[in-house]
Protein backbone atom coordinates (compact mmCIF):
# COMPACT_ATOMS: atom_id res chain seq x y z
CA MET A 1 167.89 65.81 94.12
CA ASN A 2 167.47 62.46 95.90
CA LEU A 3 166.03 61.01 98.83
CA ASN A 4 169.62 60.31 100.53
CA GLN A 5 170.48 63.96 100.20
CA LEU A 6 167.31 64.87 102.06
CA ARG A 7 168.03 62.26 104.67
CA TYR A 8 171.58 63.82 105.21
CA VAL A 9 169.88 67.15 105.64
CA LYS A 10 167.59 65.88 108.25
CA ALA A 11 170.26 64.12 110.11
CA VAL A 12 172.51 67.08 110.41
CA ALA A 13 169.63 69.28 111.47
CA GLU A 14 168.78 66.76 114.22
CA THR A 15 172.41 66.14 115.46
CA GLY A 16 174.00 69.41 114.84
CA SER A 17 176.86 67.71 113.57
CA PHE A 18 178.04 66.43 110.23
CA THR A 19 180.21 63.63 111.98
CA LEU A 20 177.38 62.38 113.93
CA ALA A 21 174.92 62.55 110.90
CA ALA A 22 177.17 60.44 108.88
CA GLU A 23 177.49 58.00 111.52
CA GLN A 24 173.43 57.88 111.80
CA CYS A 25 173.22 57.43 107.96
CA TYR A 26 175.81 54.92 107.78
CA VAL A 27 178.00 56.79 105.13
CA THR A 28 181.29 58.45 105.42
CA GLN A 29 181.47 62.10 106.29
CA PRO A 30 182.85 63.34 102.74
CA THR A 31 179.94 61.21 101.22
CA LEU A 32 177.28 63.10 103.44
CA SER A 33 179.07 66.55 102.77
CA ASN A 34 179.23 66.08 99.17
CA GLY A 35 175.53 65.35 99.24
CA ILE A 36 174.35 68.27 101.00
CA ALA A 37 176.78 70.54 98.87
CA GLN A 38 174.98 69.09 95.76
CA LEU A 39 171.57 69.72 97.07
CA GLU A 40 172.64 73.10 98.08
CA HIS A 41 174.00 73.83 94.41
CA GLU A 42 170.61 72.74 93.23
CA PHE A 43 168.57 74.95 95.64
CA GLU A 44 170.96 77.88 94.90
CA GLU A 45 171.12 78.54 98.55
CA ARG A 46 173.07 77.26 101.64
CA LEU A 47 171.27 74.96 104.13
CA PHE A 48 173.55 75.17 107.12
CA ALA A 49 175.95 77.83 108.52
CA ARG A 50 179.04 76.03 109.47
CA THR A 51 181.65 77.24 112.10
CA THR A 52 184.43 75.41 113.96
CA ARG A 53 182.25 74.61 116.59
CA SER A 54 178.71 74.42 115.34
CA VAL A 55 176.32 73.64 112.48
CA VAL A 56 173.30 75.30 112.50
CA LEU A 57 170.51 75.84 109.70
CA THR A 58 170.18 78.90 107.82
CA PRO A 59 167.22 80.83 107.55
CA PHE A 60 166.53 79.17 104.05
CA GLY A 61 167.20 75.66 105.77
CA GLU A 62 164.53 76.43 108.40
CA HIS A 63 162.16 77.37 105.90
CA ILE A 64 162.80 74.28 103.74
CA LEU A 65 163.47 71.69 106.60
CA PRO A 66 159.50 71.16 107.06
CA PHE A 67 159.11 70.43 103.20
CA ILE A 68 162.05 67.80 103.45
CA ASP A 69 160.24 66.18 106.24
CA ARG A 70 156.90 65.96 104.32
CA VAL A 71 158.76 64.34 101.63
CA LEU A 72 160.56 61.60 103.63
CA SER A 73 157.38 60.87 105.54
CA ALA A 74 155.53 60.60 102.34
CA GLN A 75 157.83 57.95 101.22
CA ASP A 76 157.52 56.18 104.58
CA GLU A 77 153.94 56.21 104.27
CA LEU A 78 154.24 55.03 100.50
CA LEU A 79 156.51 52.03 101.49
CA HIS A 80 154.12 51.08 104.55
CA GLU A 81 151.08 51.09 102.42
CA SER A 82 152.84 48.95 99.44
CA ARG A 83 154.19 46.50 101.90
CA ASP A 84 150.82 46.06 103.91
CA PHE A 85 148.99 45.59 100.58
CA VAL A 86 151.31 43.12 99.21
CA HIS A 87 151.97 41.35 102.47
CA PRO A 88 149.00 42.37 104.89
CA SER A 89 149.85 41.58 108.47
CA LYS A 90 146.21 40.23 108.92
CA THR A 91 144.14 37.74 106.65
CA VAL A 92 142.39 39.91 104.01
CA VAL A 93 140.62 39.37 100.67
CA ARG A 94 141.36 41.84 98.20
CA ILE A 95 138.83 42.45 95.54
CA GLY A 96 138.59 44.79 92.58
CA THR A 97 135.19 45.80 91.39
CA SER A 98 133.94 47.10 88.27
CA PRO A 99 131.86 50.29 88.57
CA LEU A 100 129.29 48.36 86.89
CA ILE A 101 128.91 45.85 89.79
CA ALA A 102 125.29 46.39 91.37
CA ALA A 103 125.57 47.71 95.03
CA ASN A 104 122.21 45.84 95.89
CA TRP A 105 124.10 42.80 94.98
CA LEU A 106 127.64 43.57 96.45
CA VAL A 107 126.47 45.13 99.57
CA PRO A 108 124.53 42.02 100.76
CA MET A 109 126.89 39.58 99.49
CA LEU A 110 129.92 41.30 101.73
CA GLU A 111 127.66 41.51 104.85
CA SER A 112 126.75 37.95 104.53
CA TYR A 113 130.41 36.83 104.01
CA ARG A 114 131.45 39.13 106.97
CA THR A 115 128.80 37.30 109.23
CA THR A 116 130.38 33.85 108.42
CA ARG A 117 133.97 35.24 108.59
CA PRO A 118 134.37 38.16 110.78
CA ASP A 119 138.14 37.26 111.23
CA VAL A 120 138.98 38.34 107.39
CA GLU A 121 139.12 41.91 106.29
CA ILE A 122 137.93 42.82 102.83
CA ILE A 123 139.62 45.45 100.79
CA LEU A 124 137.88 46.91 97.95
CA HIS A 125 139.15 48.48 95.00
CA GLU A 126 137.00 50.23 92.28
CA GLN A 127 138.77 50.95 89.10
CA ASN A 128 138.67 50.56 85.28
CA MET A 129 138.85 46.88 84.20
CA ALA A 130 141.98 46.89 82.41
CA GLU A 131 143.90 48.16 85.59
CA LEU A 132 141.91 45.69 87.63
CA TYR A 133 143.18 42.71 85.37
CA ARG A 134 146.66 44.28 85.46
CA MET A 135 146.53 44.25 89.33
CA LEU A 136 145.18 40.61 89.37
CA ASP A 137 147.69 39.19 87.23
CA GLY A 138 150.49 41.19 89.20
CA GLY A 139 149.34 39.55 92.52
CA LEU A 140 147.87 42.86 93.88
CA LEU A 141 144.40 41.77 93.95
CA ASP A 142 142.85 38.30 94.86
CA PHE A 143 139.68 38.70 92.82
CA VAL A 144 138.07 40.82 90.26
CA LEU A 145 134.34 41.33 89.76
CA GLY A 146 133.06 42.34 86.67
CA VAL A 147 131.10 41.74 83.18
CA ALA A 148 131.61 38.19 82.11
CA ASP A 149 133.28 39.18 78.90
CA VAL A 150 137.11 38.12 79.50
CA THR A 151 138.65 34.65 79.64
CA ARG A 152 142.28 33.66 79.99
CA PRO A 153 143.83 30.28 80.65
CA SER A 154 145.45 31.54 83.77
CA TRP A 155 142.17 32.63 85.40
CA ASN A 156 139.32 30.78 87.21
CA LYS A 157 135.93 32.25 87.31
CA VAL A 158 132.48 31.80 88.94
CA PHE A 159 129.01 33.13 87.81
CA LEU A 160 127.97 35.77 90.20
CA TYR A 161 124.36 37.21 89.03
CA ARG A 162 122.85 38.63 85.99
CA GLU A 163 120.96 41.90 85.10
CA PRO A 164 118.40 42.69 82.48
CA LEU A 165 119.61 45.44 80.18
CA TYR A 166 117.25 48.43 79.53
CA PHE A 167 116.95 50.73 76.62
CA ILE A 168 116.65 54.23 77.21
CA PRO A 169 114.97 56.30 74.17
CA ARG A 170 116.32 59.35 72.61
CA GLY A 171 114.60 62.72 73.97
CA ALA A 172 110.79 62.43 74.03
CA ILE A 173 110.80 59.54 71.75
CA HIS A 174 108.96 56.59 73.47
CA PRO A 175 108.21 53.27 71.80
CA GLU A 176 104.40 52.19 72.00
CA SER A 177 104.90 49.23 74.37
CA LYS A 178 104.21 48.16 77.82
CA GLY A 179 107.80 48.56 79.60
CA THR A 180 109.38 46.30 76.83
CA ILE A 181 111.02 46.76 73.52
CA LYS A 182 112.40 44.39 70.97
CA PHE A 183 116.15 44.43 70.10
CA LYS A 184 115.45 44.45 66.43
CA ASP A 185 113.50 47.62 66.73
CA ILE A 186 116.36 49.91 68.18
CA THR A 187 119.17 48.90 65.82
CA GLU A 188 119.02 52.01 63.47
CA GLU A 189 119.37 54.23 66.78
CA THR A 190 122.41 56.26 67.37
CA PHE A 191 123.69 55.49 70.94
CA VAL A 192 125.49 57.50 73.57
CA MET A 193 128.22 55.58 75.39
CA VAL A 194 130.35 55.77 78.29
CA PRO A 195 134.13 54.86 78.24
CA ASN A 196 135.09 51.41 77.96
CA GLU A 197 136.21 51.08 81.61
CA CYS A 198 133.44 49.35 83.28
CA GLY A 199 132.52 46.69 80.70
CA LEU A 200 129.23 48.31 79.57
CA ALA A 201 130.69 49.75 76.58
CA ARG A 202 132.37 46.61 75.31
CA ALA A 203 129.23 44.29 76.27
CA THR A 204 127.12 46.55 74.28
CA ARG A 205 129.07 46.31 71.34
CA ALA A 206 129.20 42.79 71.75
CA LEU A 207 125.54 42.65 71.74
CA PHE A 208 125.12 44.16 68.36
CA ARG A 209 127.95 41.86 66.80
CA SER A 210 126.09 38.71 68.15
CA HIS A 211 122.86 39.93 66.40
CA ARG A 212 124.97 41.00 63.26
CA HIS A 213 124.19 44.58 63.34
CA LYS A 214 126.26 47.59 63.37
CA LEU A 215 126.12 49.99 66.42
CA ASN A 216 125.98 53.54 65.66
CA GLU A 217 127.81 55.46 68.26
CA TYR A 218 127.38 59.15 69.20
CA PRO A 219 130.88 60.77 68.64
CA GLY A 220 131.41 61.87 72.26
CA GLU A 221 131.50 59.91 75.50
CA ALA A 222 129.50 60.38 78.78
CA LEU A 223 131.30 60.64 82.00
CA SER A 224 129.01 58.42 83.92
CA TYR A 225 125.75 56.41 83.86
CA GLN A 226 123.79 59.35 84.97
CA VAL A 227 125.34 61.57 82.27
CA LEU A 228 124.63 58.97 79.71
CA GLU A 229 120.75 59.20 80.95
CA GLU A 230 120.84 63.05 80.64
CA TRP A 231 122.22 63.02 77.23
CA ALA A 232 119.71 60.53 76.26
CA SER A 233 116.95 62.84 77.66
CA LEU A 234 118.45 65.58 75.69
CA GLY A 235 118.20 63.71 72.49
CA LEU A 236 121.84 63.08 71.69
CA GLY A 237 121.10 59.54 71.34
CA ALA A 238 119.76 56.56 72.85
CA ALA A 239 121.28 54.47 75.55
CA ILE A 240 121.53 51.00 76.90
CA LEU A 241 122.00 50.52 80.71
CA THR A 242 121.68 47.77 83.43
CA LYS A 243 118.67 47.73 85.94
CA SER A 244 120.82 48.77 88.97
CA LYS A 245 122.54 51.68 87.23
CA LEU A 246 119.11 53.32 86.27
CA ARG A 247 117.94 56.30 88.24
CA SER A 248 114.79 55.73 90.08
CA SER A 249 112.93 58.66 88.35
CA ASP A 250 113.41 61.20 85.51
CA SER A 251 113.86 58.56 82.71
CA LYS A 252 111.46 56.32 80.95
CA ALA A 253 113.35 52.92 80.29
CA TYR A 254 112.19 49.82 78.57
CA VAL A 255 113.31 46.32 79.32
CA LEU A 256 115.29 44.99 76.01
CA MET A 257 113.86 41.73 74.57
CA ASP A 258 115.33 39.40 71.86
CA LYS A 259 113.12 37.89 69.03
CA GLN A 260 111.91 35.19 71.41
CA SER A 261 110.53 37.78 73.72
CA LYS A 262 113.27 36.88 76.52
CA GLU A 263 114.95 39.50 78.59
CA ILE A 264 118.43 40.24 77.19
CA THR A 265 120.58 40.29 80.23
CA LEU A 266 124.36 40.89 81.35
CA ASP A 267 126.18 38.34 83.34
CA PHE A 268 128.79 39.14 86.03
CA GLU A 269 131.41 36.93 87.29
CA ALA A 270 134.27 36.80 89.72
CA VAL A 271 137.84 35.91 88.27
CA TRP A 272 141.09 34.97 89.99
CA VAL A 273 144.58 33.69 89.13
CA ASN A 274 144.67 29.83 88.73
CA ALA A 275 147.32 29.10 91.38
CA PRO A 276 148.50 25.56 92.43
CA GLN A 277 148.87 26.72 96.06
CA TYR A 278 146.21 28.91 96.66
CA PRO A 279 145.64 30.23 100.27
CA LEU A 280 142.95 28.45 102.26
CA HIS A 281 141.16 31.68 103.13
CA LEU A 282 140.84 32.55 99.38
CA GLN A 283 139.62 28.95 98.54
CA GLN A 284 136.98 29.58 101.06
CA PHE A 285 135.87 32.76 99.66
CA VAL A 286 135.28 31.17 96.37
CA GLU A 287 133.49 28.29 98.21
CA PHE A 288 131.26 31.16 99.55
CA LEU A 289 130.56 32.86 96.36
CA GLY A 290 129.45 29.57 94.74
CA GLY A 291 127.23 28.95 97.91
CA TYR A 292 125.86 32.34 97.96
CA ARG A 293 124.71 32.09 94.26
CA ALA A 294 123.49 28.55 95.05
CA LEU A 295 121.18 30.04 97.63
CA GLY A 296 119.60 32.09 94.77
CA LYS A 297 120.76 35.41 95.56
CA GLN A 298 122.51 36.10 92.35
CA ASP A 299 119.70 37.79 90.59
CA LYS A 300 118.95 41.36 91.55
C-alpha cells in the first residue's frame, strides 16, 4: 500500500471514471488501474464495481473510503505543519525549553519580550535535552534554554539565571540545622533521581564529581519532580531539586551549602547555532535576553 494508490481510489470515487481519475492524478490509465488492483489484492476485497457504463464503489469501498480520506488528510496536515515549522509564514522565534526551566522566570521573560515585539510569535517546545539539541543542530529550533552544562564550538550562549539547589532528606530524617545543610554532610546518602532528560541528573552527578565524591543512586528512577519528592518522603532515598521545582508544602527541604557556607546553585543558559548570517529578529532576541539579564531579572 502507498499513498498514490489511496489517491487513485479517491479520484475514481470523485469522478466516477478511471479515465478522468488518471488525468486528475497525472498518470496513465493503466498505471492507475494497476495501482487500484494491487490495493484490492492487499485488501482482499473489491473497491469498485465496473461496468461498461459506470464505476461505482462497492459496499466495502463505501466503508473504507472515509478511512482513506483520513490518511490523505493526515498527510496533508503533516506536510503543512512541517513546512510551516521550518519555513514559517510569519516572523517567529522557536524556543526549546528544558522541563527544569523555572516557570516564574520563563513566563515574565516571554511577557516582557511580547511587550517589546508584539509582531514576533514565540513557539515553545518542551522536550528532553538530547532531542532539543538535535532539533537545534537540525535547524528546527532557534534557541534552547536549559542547564548550563553543554558546550559546543558551533554554539553561542548567554547566561540566563541561576537557582539554589535544595536537599530533601530521606523519610522523617531531618538535619539539625536552620534551613541549610553542608554538602559534606550528605555525601553518604543514597539519592533518588529523575531520568537524565532535563539536565538535573547530569548536574547532580557533576556536582558530586566536582567535590570528589561518589554519588550513591537508588536503582529506580522517578518519573517527575513530584514523584522524586514523594519517594524521598517514603524513605527510598534523599533528593536534590532546584528551588522552583519544590512543592510549596508537604516536604522539608534545605538549602545546599558548600564548605565556604555559600549556596550551591545551578546555572541556566540559552544556546543557539553560530551562523554567519543570523536573521535580524533572532539577533534582537539575543540582545533582549542580555538586556533582560542585565536588568537583574535573572535570579529567581
